[in-house]
Full PDB file with SEQRES, HELIX, SHEET, SSBOND, CRYST1, ORIGX, SCALE, CONECT and MASTER records, all heavy atoms in Angstrom:
SEQRES   1 A   40  LEU PHE ASP ASP GLY GLY ASN VAL VAL ALA ALA LEU TRP          
SEQRES   2 A   40  ARG GLU ASP VAL GLN GLY ALA THR CYS PRO ARG PRO GLY          
SEQRES   3 A   40  ASP SER ILE GLY ARG GLY SER LEU GLY HIS LYS LEU GLN          
SEQRES   4 A   40  GLU                                                          
HELIX    1 AA1 HIS A   36  GLN A   39  1                                   4    
CRYST1    1.000    1.000    1.000  90.00  90.00  90.00 P 1           1          
ORIGX1      1.000000  0.000000  0.000000        0.00000                         
ORIGX2      0.000000  1.000000  0.000000        0.00000                         
ORIGX3      0.000000  0.000000  1.000000        0.00000                         
SCALE1      1.000000  0.000000  0.000000        0.00000                         
SCALE2      0.000000  1.000000  0.000000        0.00000                         
SCALE3      0.000000  0.000000  1.000000        0.00000                         
ATOM      1  N   LEU A   1     -16.012   2.546 -13.261  1.00  0.00           N  
ATOM      2  CA  LEU A   1     -17.216   2.336 -12.477  1.00  0.00           C  
ATOM      3  C   LEU A   1     -18.390   1.939 -13.354  1.00  0.00           C  
ATOM      4  O   LEU A   1     -18.712   2.641 -14.328  1.00  0.00           O  
ATOM      5  CB  LEU A   1     -17.531   3.555 -11.643  1.00  0.00           C  
ATOM      6  CG  LEU A   1     -16.361   4.081 -10.755  1.00  0.00           C  
ATOM      7  CD1 LEU A   1     -16.767   5.402 -10.112  1.00  0.00           C  
ATOM      8  CD2 LEU A   1     -15.983   3.091  -9.766  1.00  0.00           C  
ATOM      9  N   PHE A   2     -19.012   0.836 -13.026  1.00  0.00           N  
ATOM     10  CA  PHE A   2     -20.142   0.273 -13.802  1.00  0.00           C  
ATOM     11  C   PHE A   2     -21.419   0.291 -12.961  1.00  0.00           C  
ATOM     12  O   PHE A   2     -21.338   0.272 -11.759  1.00  0.00           O  
ATOM     13  CB  PHE A   2     -19.821  -1.181 -14.194  1.00  0.00           C  
ATOM     14  CG  PHE A   2     -18.657  -1.314 -15.174  1.00  0.00           C  
ATOM     15  CD1 PHE A   2     -17.362  -1.286 -14.736  1.00  0.00           C  
ATOM     16  CD2 PHE A   2     -18.908  -1.462 -16.479  1.00  0.00           C  
ATOM     17  CE1 PHE A   2     -16.297  -1.375 -15.584  1.00  0.00           C  
ATOM     18  CE2 PHE A   2     -17.839  -1.601 -17.382  1.00  0.00           C  
ATOM     19  CZ  PHE A   2     -16.519  -1.519 -16.959  1.00  0.00           C  
ATOM     20  N   ASP A   3     -22.574   0.249 -13.605  1.00  0.00           N  
ATOM     21  CA  ASP A   3     -23.783   0.073 -12.877  1.00  0.00           C  
ATOM     22  C   ASP A   3     -24.125  -1.425 -12.782  1.00  0.00           C  
ATOM     23  O   ASP A   3     -23.378  -2.288 -13.250  1.00  0.00           O  
ATOM     24  CB  ASP A   3     -24.915   0.901 -13.529  1.00  0.00           C  
ATOM     25  CG  ASP A   3     -25.258   0.435 -14.956  1.00  0.00           C  
ATOM     26  OD1 ASP A   3     -24.864  -0.669 -15.372  1.00  0.00           O  
ATOM     27  OD2 ASP A   3     -25.966   1.194 -15.606  1.00  0.00           O  
ATOM     28  N   ASP A   4     -25.310  -1.717 -12.181  1.00  0.00           N  
ATOM     29  CA  ASP A   4     -25.718  -3.126 -12.034  1.00  0.00           C  
ATOM     30  C   ASP A   4     -25.867  -3.792 -13.366  1.00  0.00           C  
ATOM     31  O   ASP A   4     -25.778  -5.062 -13.386  1.00  0.00           O  
ATOM     32  CB  ASP A   4     -27.010  -3.183 -11.231  1.00  0.00           C  
ATOM     33  CG  ASP A   4     -26.825  -2.922  -9.747  1.00  0.00           C  
ATOM     34  OD1 ASP A   4     -25.700  -3.275  -9.219  1.00  0.00           O  
ATOM     35  OD2 ASP A   4     -27.707  -2.311  -9.128  1.00  0.00           O  
ATOM     36  N   GLY A   5     -26.179  -3.089 -14.422  1.00  0.00           N  
ATOM     37  CA  GLY A   5     -26.342  -3.714 -15.715  1.00  0.00           C  
ATOM     38  C   GLY A   5     -25.067  -3.894 -16.529  1.00  0.00           C  
ATOM     39  O   GLY A   5     -25.062  -4.366 -17.646  1.00  0.00           O  
ATOM     40  N   GLY A   6     -23.942  -3.532 -15.944  1.00  0.00           N  
ATOM     41  CA  GLY A   6     -22.656  -3.701 -16.599  1.00  0.00           C  
ATOM     42  C   GLY A   6     -22.291  -2.542 -17.535  1.00  0.00           C  
ATOM     43  O   GLY A   6     -21.356  -2.615 -18.334  1.00  0.00           O  
ATOM     44  N   ASN A   7     -23.050  -1.385 -17.456  1.00  0.00           N  
ATOM     45  CA  ASN A   7     -22.753  -0.244 -18.284  1.00  0.00           C  
ATOM     46  C   ASN A   7     -21.741   0.672 -17.530  1.00  0.00           C  
ATOM     47  O   ASN A   7     -21.906   0.883 -16.346  1.00  0.00           O  
ATOM     48  CB  ASN A   7     -24.015   0.549 -18.556  1.00  0.00           C  
ATOM     49  CG  ASN A   7     -25.094  -0.294 -19.239  1.00  0.00           C  
ATOM     50  OD1 ASN A   7     -24.830  -0.841 -20.293  1.00  0.00           O  
ATOM     51  ND2 ASN A   7     -26.231  -0.464 -18.598  1.00  0.00           N  
ATOM     52  N   VAL A   8     -20.785   1.234 -18.249  1.00  0.00           N  
ATOM     53  CA  VAL A   8     -19.838   2.158 -17.669  1.00  0.00           C  
ATOM     54  C   VAL A   8     -20.577   3.451 -17.314  1.00  0.00           C  
ATOM     55  O   VAL A   8     -21.282   4.011 -18.135  1.00  0.00           O  
ATOM     56  CB  VAL A   8     -18.705   2.481 -18.628  1.00  0.00           C  
ATOM     57  CG1 VAL A   8     -17.747   3.522 -18.015  1.00  0.00           C  
ATOM     58  CG2 VAL A   8     -17.961   1.263 -18.986  1.00  0.00           C  
ATOM     59  N   VAL A   9     -20.447   3.926 -16.068  1.00  0.00           N  
ATOM     60  CA  VAL A   9     -21.084   5.139 -15.651  1.00  0.00           C  
ATOM     61  C   VAL A   9     -20.071   6.248 -15.354  1.00  0.00           C  
ATOM     62  O   VAL A   9     -20.374   7.420 -15.437  1.00  0.00           O  
ATOM     63  CB  VAL A   9     -21.991   4.950 -14.425  1.00  0.00           C  
ATOM     64  CG1 VAL A   9     -23.251   4.135 -14.820  1.00  0.00           C  
ATOM     65  CG2 VAL A   9     -21.302   4.329 -13.265  1.00  0.00           C  
ATOM     66  N   ALA A  10     -18.832   5.858 -15.030  1.00  0.00           N  
ATOM     67  CA  ALA A  10     -17.827   6.900 -14.742  1.00  0.00           C  
ATOM     68  C   ALA A  10     -16.414   6.296 -14.726  1.00  0.00           C  
ATOM     69  O   ALA A  10     -16.262   5.044 -14.618  1.00  0.00           O  
ATOM     70  CB  ALA A  10     -18.093   7.494 -13.350  1.00  0.00           C  
ATOM     71  N   ALA A  11     -15.414   7.116 -14.833  1.00  0.00           N  
ATOM     72  CA  ALA A  11     -14.053   6.761 -14.657  1.00  0.00           C  
ATOM     73  C   ALA A  11     -13.393   7.818 -13.795  1.00  0.00           C  
ATOM     74  O   ALA A  11     -13.600   9.014 -13.994  1.00  0.00           O  
ATOM     75  CB  ALA A  11     -13.338   6.691 -16.019  1.00  0.00           C  
ATOM     76  N   LEU A  12     -12.604   7.381 -12.848  1.00  0.00           N  
ATOM     77  CA  LEU A  12     -11.865   8.260 -11.935  1.00  0.00           C  
ATOM     78  C   LEU A  12     -10.409   7.868 -12.116  1.00  0.00           C  
ATOM     79  O   LEU A  12     -10.088   6.682 -12.186  1.00  0.00           O  
ATOM     80  CB  LEU A  12     -12.216   7.962 -10.475  1.00  0.00           C  
ATOM     81  CG  LEU A  12     -13.396   8.600  -9.892  1.00  0.00           C  
ATOM     82  CD1 LEU A  12     -14.300   7.569  -9.230  1.00  0.00           C  
ATOM     83  CD2 LEU A  12     -12.912   9.508  -8.827  1.00  0.00           C  
ATOM     84  N   TRP A  13      -9.544   8.870 -12.124  1.00  0.00           N  
ATOM     85  CA  TRP A  13      -8.075   8.524 -12.242  1.00  0.00           C  
ATOM     86  C   TRP A  13      -7.195   9.606 -11.656  1.00  0.00           C  
ATOM     87  O   TRP A  13      -7.620  10.745 -11.517  1.00  0.00           O  
ATOM     88  CB  TRP A  13      -7.693   8.235 -13.722  1.00  0.00           C  
ATOM     89  CG  TRP A  13      -7.806   9.446 -14.565  1.00  0.00           C  
ATOM     90  CD1 TRP A  13      -6.745  10.349 -14.891  1.00  0.00           C  
ATOM     91  CD2 TRP A  13      -8.941  10.008 -15.213  1.00  0.00           C  
ATOM     92  NE1 TRP A  13      -7.188  11.315 -15.693  1.00  0.00           N  
ATOM     93  CE2 TRP A  13      -8.496  11.136 -15.941  1.00  0.00           C  
ATOM     94  CE3 TRP A  13     -10.254   9.571 -15.314  1.00  0.00           C  
ATOM     95  CZ2 TRP A  13      -9.415  11.911 -16.665  1.00  0.00           C  
ATOM     96  CZ3 TRP A  13     -11.130  10.361 -16.036  1.00  0.00           C  
ATOM     97  CH2 TRP A  13     -10.732  11.495 -16.747  1.00  0.00           C  
ATOM     98  N   ARG A  14      -5.996   9.172 -11.352  1.00  0.00           N  
ATOM     99  CA  ARG A  14      -4.882  10.017 -10.921  1.00  0.00           C  
ATOM    100  C   ARG A  14      -3.631   9.489 -11.551  1.00  0.00           C  
ATOM    101  O   ARG A  14      -3.523   8.313 -11.793  1.00  0.00           O  
ATOM    102  CB  ARG A  14      -4.616  10.049  -9.443  1.00  0.00           C  
ATOM    103  CG  ARG A  14      -5.706  10.173  -8.506  1.00  0.00           C  
ATOM    104  CD  ARG A  14      -5.219  10.232  -7.078  1.00  0.00           C  
ATOM    105  NE  ARG A  14      -4.324  11.330  -6.877  1.00  0.00           N  
ATOM    106  CZ  ARG A  14      -4.475  12.322  -5.975  1.00  0.00           C  
ATOM    107  NH1 ARG A  14      -5.518  12.288  -5.193  1.00  0.00           N  
ATOM    108  NH2 ARG A  14      -3.642  13.275  -5.844  1.00  0.00           N  
ATOM    109  N   GLU A  15      -2.654  10.326 -11.730  1.00  0.00           N  
ATOM    110  CA  GLU A  15      -1.390   9.885 -12.312  1.00  0.00           C  
ATOM    111  C   GLU A  15      -0.216  10.216 -11.392  1.00  0.00           C  
ATOM    112  O   GLU A  15       0.909  10.337 -11.835  1.00  0.00           O  
ATOM    113  CB  GLU A  15      -1.146  10.528 -13.661  1.00  0.00           C  
ATOM    114  CG  GLU A  15      -2.156  10.078 -14.707  1.00  0.00           C  
ATOM    115  CD  GLU A  15      -1.853  10.663 -16.046  1.00  0.00           C  
ATOM    116  OE1 GLU A  15      -1.106  11.641 -16.220  1.00  0.00           O  
ATOM    117  OE2 GLU A  15      -2.371  10.046 -17.040  1.00  0.00           O  
ATOM    118  N   ASP A  16      -0.472  10.341 -10.083  1.00  0.00           N  
ATOM    119  CA  ASP A  16       0.587  10.721  -9.149  1.00  0.00           C  
ATOM    120  C   ASP A  16       0.693   9.809  -7.918  1.00  0.00           C  
ATOM    121  O   ASP A  16       1.084  10.212  -6.863  1.00  0.00           O  
ATOM    122  CB  ASP A  16       0.318  12.192  -8.697  1.00  0.00           C  
ATOM    123  CG  ASP A  16      -0.949  12.352  -7.929  1.00  0.00           C  
ATOM    124  OD1 ASP A  16      -1.815  11.365  -7.945  1.00  0.00           O  
ATOM    125  OD2 ASP A  16      -1.205  13.410  -7.362  1.00  0.00           O  
ATOM    126  N   VAL A  17       0.351   8.553  -8.126  1.00  0.00           N  
ATOM    127  CA  VAL A  17       0.417   7.574  -7.052  1.00  0.00           C  
ATOM    128  C   VAL A  17       1.814   6.973  -6.946  1.00  0.00           C  
ATOM    129  O   VAL A  17       2.390   6.559  -7.989  1.00  0.00           O  
ATOM    130  CB  VAL A  17      -0.673   6.479  -7.277  1.00  0.00           C  
ATOM    131  CG1 VAL A  17      -0.602   5.417  -6.176  1.00  0.00           C  
ATOM    132  CG2 VAL A  17      -2.054   7.082  -7.356  1.00  0.00           C  
ATOM    133  N   GLN A  18       2.311   6.941  -5.808  1.00  0.00           N  
ATOM    134  CA  GLN A  18       3.658   6.281  -5.549  1.00  0.00           C  
ATOM    135  C   GLN A  18       3.425   4.898  -5.006  1.00  0.00           C  
ATOM    136  O   GLN A  18       2.644   4.682  -4.094  1.00  0.00           O  
ATOM    137  CB  GLN A  18       4.482   7.084  -4.537  1.00  0.00           C  
ATOM    138  CG  GLN A  18       4.804   8.513  -4.968  1.00  0.00           C  
ATOM    139  CD  GLN A  18       5.765   8.500  -6.132  1.00  0.00           C  
ATOM    140  OE1 GLN A  18       6.698   7.747  -6.191  1.00  0.00           O  
ATOM    141  NE2 GLN A  18       5.540   9.374  -7.046  1.00  0.00           N  
ATOM    142  N   GLY A  19       4.064   3.905  -5.632  1.00  0.00           N  
ATOM    143  CA  GLY A  19       4.019   2.534  -5.162  1.00  0.00           C  
ATOM    144  C   GLY A  19       5.335   1.898  -5.009  1.00  0.00           C  
ATOM    145  O   GLY A  19       6.302   2.325  -5.705  1.00  0.00           O  
ATOM    146  N   ALA A  20       5.436   0.890  -4.242  1.00  0.00           N  
ATOM    147  CA  ALA A  20       6.745   0.180  -4.073  1.00  0.00           C  
ATOM    148  C   ALA A  20       7.046  -0.516  -5.328  1.00  0.00           C  
ATOM    149  O   ALA A  20       8.247  -0.595  -5.714  1.00  0.00           O  
ATOM    150  CB  ALA A  20       6.673  -0.744  -2.872  1.00  0.00           C  
ATOM    151  N   THR A  21       6.086  -1.125  -6.016  1.00  0.00           N  
ATOM    152  CA  THR A  21       6.253  -1.791  -7.281  1.00  0.00           C  
ATOM    153  C   THR A  21       4.959  -1.631  -8.017  1.00  0.00           C  
ATOM    154  O   THR A  21       3.968  -1.093  -7.496  1.00  0.00           O  
ATOM    155  CB  THR A  21       6.479  -3.297  -7.098  1.00  0.00           C  
ATOM    156  OG1 THR A  21       5.344  -3.895  -6.440  1.00  0.00           O  
ATOM    157  CG2 THR A  21       7.730  -3.617  -6.307  1.00  0.00           C  
ATOM    158  N   CYS A  22       4.963  -2.038  -9.291  1.00  0.00           N  
ATOM    159  CA  CYS A  22       3.709  -2.006 -10.120  1.00  0.00           C  
ATOM    160  C   CYS A  22       2.905  -3.241  -9.765  1.00  0.00           C  
ATOM    161  O   CYS A  22       3.402  -4.369  -9.863  1.00  0.00           O  
ATOM    162  CB  CYS A  22       4.065  -2.010 -11.576  1.00  0.00           C  
ATOM    163  SG  CYS A  22       2.589  -1.949 -12.618  1.00  0.00           S  
ATOM    164  N   PRO A  23       1.658  -3.062  -9.275  1.00  0.00           N  
ATOM    165  CA  PRO A  23       0.848  -4.216  -8.928  1.00  0.00           C  
ATOM    166  C   PRO A  23       0.514  -5.024 -10.183  1.00  0.00           C  
ATOM    167  O   PRO A  23       0.599  -4.563 -11.340  1.00  0.00           O  
ATOM    168  CB  PRO A  23      -0.434  -3.592  -8.377  1.00  0.00           C  
ATOM    169  CG  PRO A  23      -0.195  -2.150  -8.230  1.00  0.00           C  
ATOM    170  CD  PRO A  23       1.003  -1.807  -9.044  1.00  0.00           C  
ATOM    171  N   ARG A  24       0.035  -6.238  -9.965  1.00  0.00           N  
ATOM    172  CA  ARG A  24      -0.328  -7.184 -11.029  1.00  0.00           C  
ATOM    173  C   ARG A  24      -1.846  -7.466 -10.913  1.00  0.00           C  
ATOM    174  O   ARG A  24      -2.384  -7.305  -9.797  1.00  0.00           O  
ATOM    175  CB  ARG A  24       0.443  -8.453 -10.973  1.00  0.00           C  
ATOM    176  CG  ARG A  24       1.944  -8.263 -11.163  1.00  0.00           C  
ATOM    177  CD  ARG A  24       2.681  -9.523 -10.932  1.00  0.00           C  
ATOM    178  NE  ARG A  24       2.549  -9.856  -9.533  1.00  0.00           N  
ATOM    179  CZ  ARG A  24       3.090 -10.912  -8.949  1.00  0.00           C  
ATOM    180  NH1 ARG A  24       3.717 -11.809  -9.652  1.00  0.00           N  
ATOM    181  NH2 ARG A  24       2.903 -11.154  -7.648  1.00  0.00           N  
ATOM    182  N   PRO A  25      -2.498  -7.926 -11.976  1.00  0.00           N  
ATOM    183  CA  PRO A  25      -3.862  -8.326 -11.877  1.00  0.00           C  
ATOM    184  C   PRO A  25      -4.088  -9.310 -10.697  1.00  0.00           C  
ATOM    185  O   PRO A  25      -3.274 -10.229 -10.488  1.00  0.00           O  
ATOM    186  CB  PRO A  25      -4.179  -8.965 -13.185  1.00  0.00           C  
ATOM    187  CG  PRO A  25      -3.246  -8.288 -14.140  1.00  0.00           C  
ATOM    188  CD  PRO A  25      -1.982  -8.093 -13.335  1.00  0.00           C  
ATOM    189  N   GLY A  26      -5.094  -9.032  -9.901  1.00  0.00           N  
ATOM    190  CA  GLY A  26      -5.405  -9.914  -8.782  1.00  0.00           C  
ATOM    191  C   GLY A  26      -4.846  -9.394  -7.454  1.00  0.00           C  
ATOM    192  O   GLY A  26      -5.241  -9.791  -6.377  1.00  0.00           O  
ATOM    193  N   ASP A  27      -3.832  -8.481  -7.534  1.00  0.00           N  
ATOM    194  CA  ASP A  27      -3.283  -7.893  -6.327  1.00  0.00           C  
ATOM    195  C   ASP A  27      -4.294  -7.001  -5.657  1.00  0.00           C  
ATOM    196  O   ASP A  27      -5.107  -6.358  -6.323  1.00  0.00           O  
ATOM    197  CB  ASP A  27      -1.997  -7.027  -6.646  1.00  0.00           C  
ATOM    198  CG  ASP A  27      -0.793  -7.916  -6.993  1.00  0.00           C  
ATOM    199  OD1 ASP A  27      -0.880  -9.133  -6.825  1.00  0.00           O  
ATOM    200  OD2 ASP A  27       0.239  -7.327  -7.415  1.00  0.00           O  
ATOM    201  N   SER A  28      -4.160  -6.912  -4.312  1.00  0.00           N  
ATOM    202  CA  SER A  28      -5.012  -5.972  -3.549  1.00  0.00           C  
ATOM    203  C   SER A  28      -4.403  -4.631  -3.530  1.00  0.00           C  
ATOM    204  O   SER A  28      -3.168  -4.515  -3.521  1.00  0.00           O  
ATOM    205  CB  SER A  28      -5.231  -6.483  -2.152  1.00  0.00           C  
ATOM    206  OG  SER A  28      -5.967  -7.677  -2.157  1.00  0.00           O  
ATOM    207  N   ILE A  29      -5.226  -3.600  -3.489  1.00  0.00           N  
ATOM    208  CA  ILE A  29      -4.756  -2.196  -3.381  1.00  0.00           C  
ATOM    209  C   ILE A  29      -4.843  -1.840  -1.856  1.00  0.00           C  
ATOM    210  O   ILE A  29      -5.840  -2.176  -1.194  1.00  0.00           O  
ATOM    211  CB  ILE A  29      -5.557  -1.234  -4.213  1.00  0.00           C  
ATOM    212  CG1 ILE A  29      -5.329  -1.543  -5.673  1.00  0.00           C  
ATOM    213  CG2 ILE A  29      -5.268   0.219  -3.899  1.00  0.00           C  
ATOM    214  CD1 ILE A  29      -3.922  -1.304  -6.142  1.00  0.00           C  
ATOM    215  N   GLY A  30      -3.887  -1.111  -1.347  1.00  0.00           N  
ATOM    216  CA  GLY A  30      -3.816  -0.722   0.051  1.00  0.00           C  
ATOM    217  C   GLY A  30      -5.107  -0.311   0.746  1.00  0.00           C  
ATOM    218  O   GLY A  30      -5.702   0.713   0.403  1.00  0.00           O  
ATOM    219  N   ARG A  31      -5.614  -1.185   1.586  1.00  0.00           N  
ATOM    220  CA  ARG A  31      -6.893  -0.943   2.242  1.00  0.00           C  
ATOM    221  C   ARG A  31      -6.864   0.359   3.023  1.00  0.00           C  
ATOM    222  O   ARG A  31      -6.029   0.577   3.790  1.00  0.00           O  
ATOM    223  CB  ARG A  31      -7.150  -2.111   3.198  1.00  0.00           C  
ATOM    224  CG  ARG A  31      -8.502  -2.099   3.819  1.00  0.00           C  
ATOM    225  CD  ARG A  31      -8.602  -3.401   4.686  1.00  0.00           C  
ATOM    226  NE  ARG A  31      -9.893  -3.400   5.368  1.00  0.00           N  
ATOM    227  CZ  ARG A  31     -10.974  -4.099   4.894  1.00  0.00           C  
ATOM    228  NH1 ARG A  31     -10.870  -4.756   3.801  1.00  0.00           N  
ATOM    229  NH2 ARG A  31     -12.123  -4.032   5.551  1.00  0.00           N  
ATOM    230  N   GLY A  32      -7.820   1.210   2.693  1.00  0.00           N  
ATOM    231  CA  GLY A  32      -7.947   2.480   3.405  1.00  0.00           C  
ATOM    232  C   GLY A  32      -6.931   3.517   3.092  1.00  0.00           C  
ATOM    233  O   GLY A  32      -6.803   4.575   3.724  1.00  0.00           O  
ATOM    234  N   SER A  33      -6.138   3.342   2.021  1.00  0.00           N  
ATOM    235  CA  SER A  33      -5.037   4.248   1.654  1.00  0.00           C  
ATOM    236  C   SER A  33      -5.406   5.280   0.626  1.00  0.00           C  
ATOM    237  O   SER A  33      -4.611   6.093   0.208  1.00  0.00           O  
ATOM    238  CB  SER A  33      -3.830   3.466   1.160  1.00  0.00           C  
ATOM    239  OG  SER A  33      -4.154   2.805  -0.045  1.00  0.00           O  
ATOM    240  N   LEU A  34      -6.656   5.297   0.152  1.00  0.00           N  
ATOM    241  CA  LEU A  34      -7.049   6.138  -0.988  1.00  0.00           C  
ATOM    242  C   LEU A  34      -7.910   7.344  -0.555  1.00  0.00           C  
ATOM    243  O   LEU A  34      -8.374   8.081  -1.418  1.00  0.00           O  
ATOM    244  CB  LEU A  34      -7.759   5.324  -2.034  1.00  0.00           C  
ATOM    245  CG  LEU A  34      -6.972   4.168  -2.617  1.00  0.00           C  
ATOM    246  CD1 LEU A  34      -7.858   3.310  -3.535  1.00  0.00           C  
ATOM    247  CD2 LEU A  34      -5.732   4.707  -3.373  1.00  0.00           C  
ATOM    248  N   GLY A  35      -8.141   7.530   0.695  1.00  0.00           N  
ATOM    249  CA  GLY A  35      -8.979   8.634   1.144  1.00  0.00           C  
ATOM    250  C   GLY A  35     -10.426   8.176   1.501  1.00  0.00           C  
ATOM    251  O   GLY A  35     -10.927   7.304   0.829  1.00  0.00           O  
ATOM    252  N   HIS A  36     -10.958   8.798   2.502  1.00  0.00           N  
ATOM    253  CA  HIS A  36     -12.305   8.406   2.984  1.00  0.00           C  
ATOM    254  C   HIS A  36     -13.395   8.453   1.946  1.00  0.00           C  
ATOM    255  O   HIS A  36     -14.150   7.500   1.814  1.00  0.00           O  
ATOM    256  CB  HIS A  36     -12.686   9.254   4.198  1.00  0.00           C  
ATOM    257  CG  HIS A  36     -14.012   8.995   4.755  1.00  0.00           C  
ATOM    258  ND1 HIS A  36     -14.314   7.783   5.410  1.00  0.00           N  
ATOM    259  CD2 HIS A  36     -15.212   9.682   4.623  1.00  0.00           C  
ATOM    260  CE1 HIS A  36     -15.598   7.808   5.707  1.00  0.00           C  
ATOM    261  NE2 HIS A  36     -16.154   8.912   5.278  1.00  0.00           N  
ATOM    262  N   LYS A  37     -13.477   9.543   1.195  1.00  0.00           N  
ATOM    263  CA  LYS A  37     -14.560   9.667   0.228  1.00  0.00           C  
ATOM    264  C   LYS A  37     -14.499   8.642  -0.865  1.00  0.00           C  
ATOM    265  O   LYS A  37     -15.519   8.039  -1.191  1.00  0.00           O  
ATOM    266  CB  LYS A  37     -14.597  11.131  -0.336  1.00  0.00           C  
ATOM    267  CG  LYS A  37     -15.763  11.318  -1.304  1.00  0.00           C  
ATOM    268  CD  LYS A  37     -17.124  10.976  -0.800  1.00  0.00           C  
ATOM    269  CE  LYS A  37     -17.798  12.068   0.006  1.00  0.00           C  
ATOM    270  NZ  LYS A  37     -19.134  11.709   0.454  1.00  0.00           N  
ATOM    271  N   LEU A  38     -13.328   8.422  -1.397  1.00  0.00           N  
ATOM    272  CA  LEU A  38     -13.176   7.383  -2.453  1.00  0.00           C  
ATOM    273  C   LEU A  38     -13.486   5.993  -1.887  1.00  0.00           C  
ATOM    274  O   LEU A  38     -14.192   5.214  -2.497  1.00  0.00           O  
ATOM    275  CB  LEU A  38     -11.805   7.415  -3.102  1.00  0.00           C  
ATOM    276  CG  LEU A  38     -11.625   6.424  -4.224  1.00  0.00           C  
ATOM    277  CD1 LEU A  38     -12.580   6.745  -5.388  1.00  0.00           C  
ATOM    278  CD2 LEU A  38     -10.172   6.388  -4.707  1.00  0.00           C  
ATOM    279  N   GLN A  39     -12.950   5.680  -0.735  1.00  0.00           N  
ATOM    280  CA  GLN A  39     -13.205   4.353  -0.080  1.00  0.00           C  
ATOM    281  C   GLN A  39     -14.679   4.146   0.211  1.00  0.00           C  
ATOM    282  O   GLN A  39     -15.203   3.065   0.028  1.00  0.00           O  
ATOM    283  CB  GLN A  39     -12.346   4.154   1.155  1.00  0.00           C  
ATOM    284  CG  GLN A  39     -10.863   4.249   0.928  1.00  0.00           C  
ATOM    285  CD  GLN A  39     -10.248   3.037   0.352  1.00  0.00           C  
ATOM    286  OE1 GLN A  39      -9.052   2.959   0.262  1.00  0.00           O  
ATOM    287  NE2 GLN A  39     -10.942   2.024  -0.076  1.00  0.00           N  
ATOM    288  N   GLU A  40     -15.357   5.249   0.588  1.00  0.00           N  
ATOM    289  CA  GLU A  40     -16.793   5.199   0.855  1.00  0.00           C  
ATOM    290  C   GLU A  40     -17.550   4.826  -0.475  1.00  0.00           C  
ATOM    291  O   GLU A  40     -18.465   4.072  -0.441  1.00  0.00           O  
ATOM    292  CB  GLU A  40     -17.203   6.547   1.366  1.00  0.00           C  
ATOM    293  CG  GLU A  40     -18.660   6.648   1.770  1.00  0.00           C  
ATOM    294  CD  GLU A  40     -18.968   8.071   2.217  1.00  0.00           C  
ATOM    295  OE1 GLU A  40     -18.620   8.357   3.397  1.00  0.00           O  
ATOM    296  OE2 GLU A  40     -19.562   8.825   1.504  1.00  0.00           O  
TER     297      GLU A  40                                                      
MASTER        0    0    0    1    0    0    0    6  296    1    0    4          
END                                                                             
């Protein structure tokens, strides 16, 4: 997560996500599948 000036302000991560395959750069991540607070 970056601010408007391009500075890193935070990093969020999990290591327990199940996917059908490994996504590639440019792929979309499941819309609405990450929980309301994170999507907000």
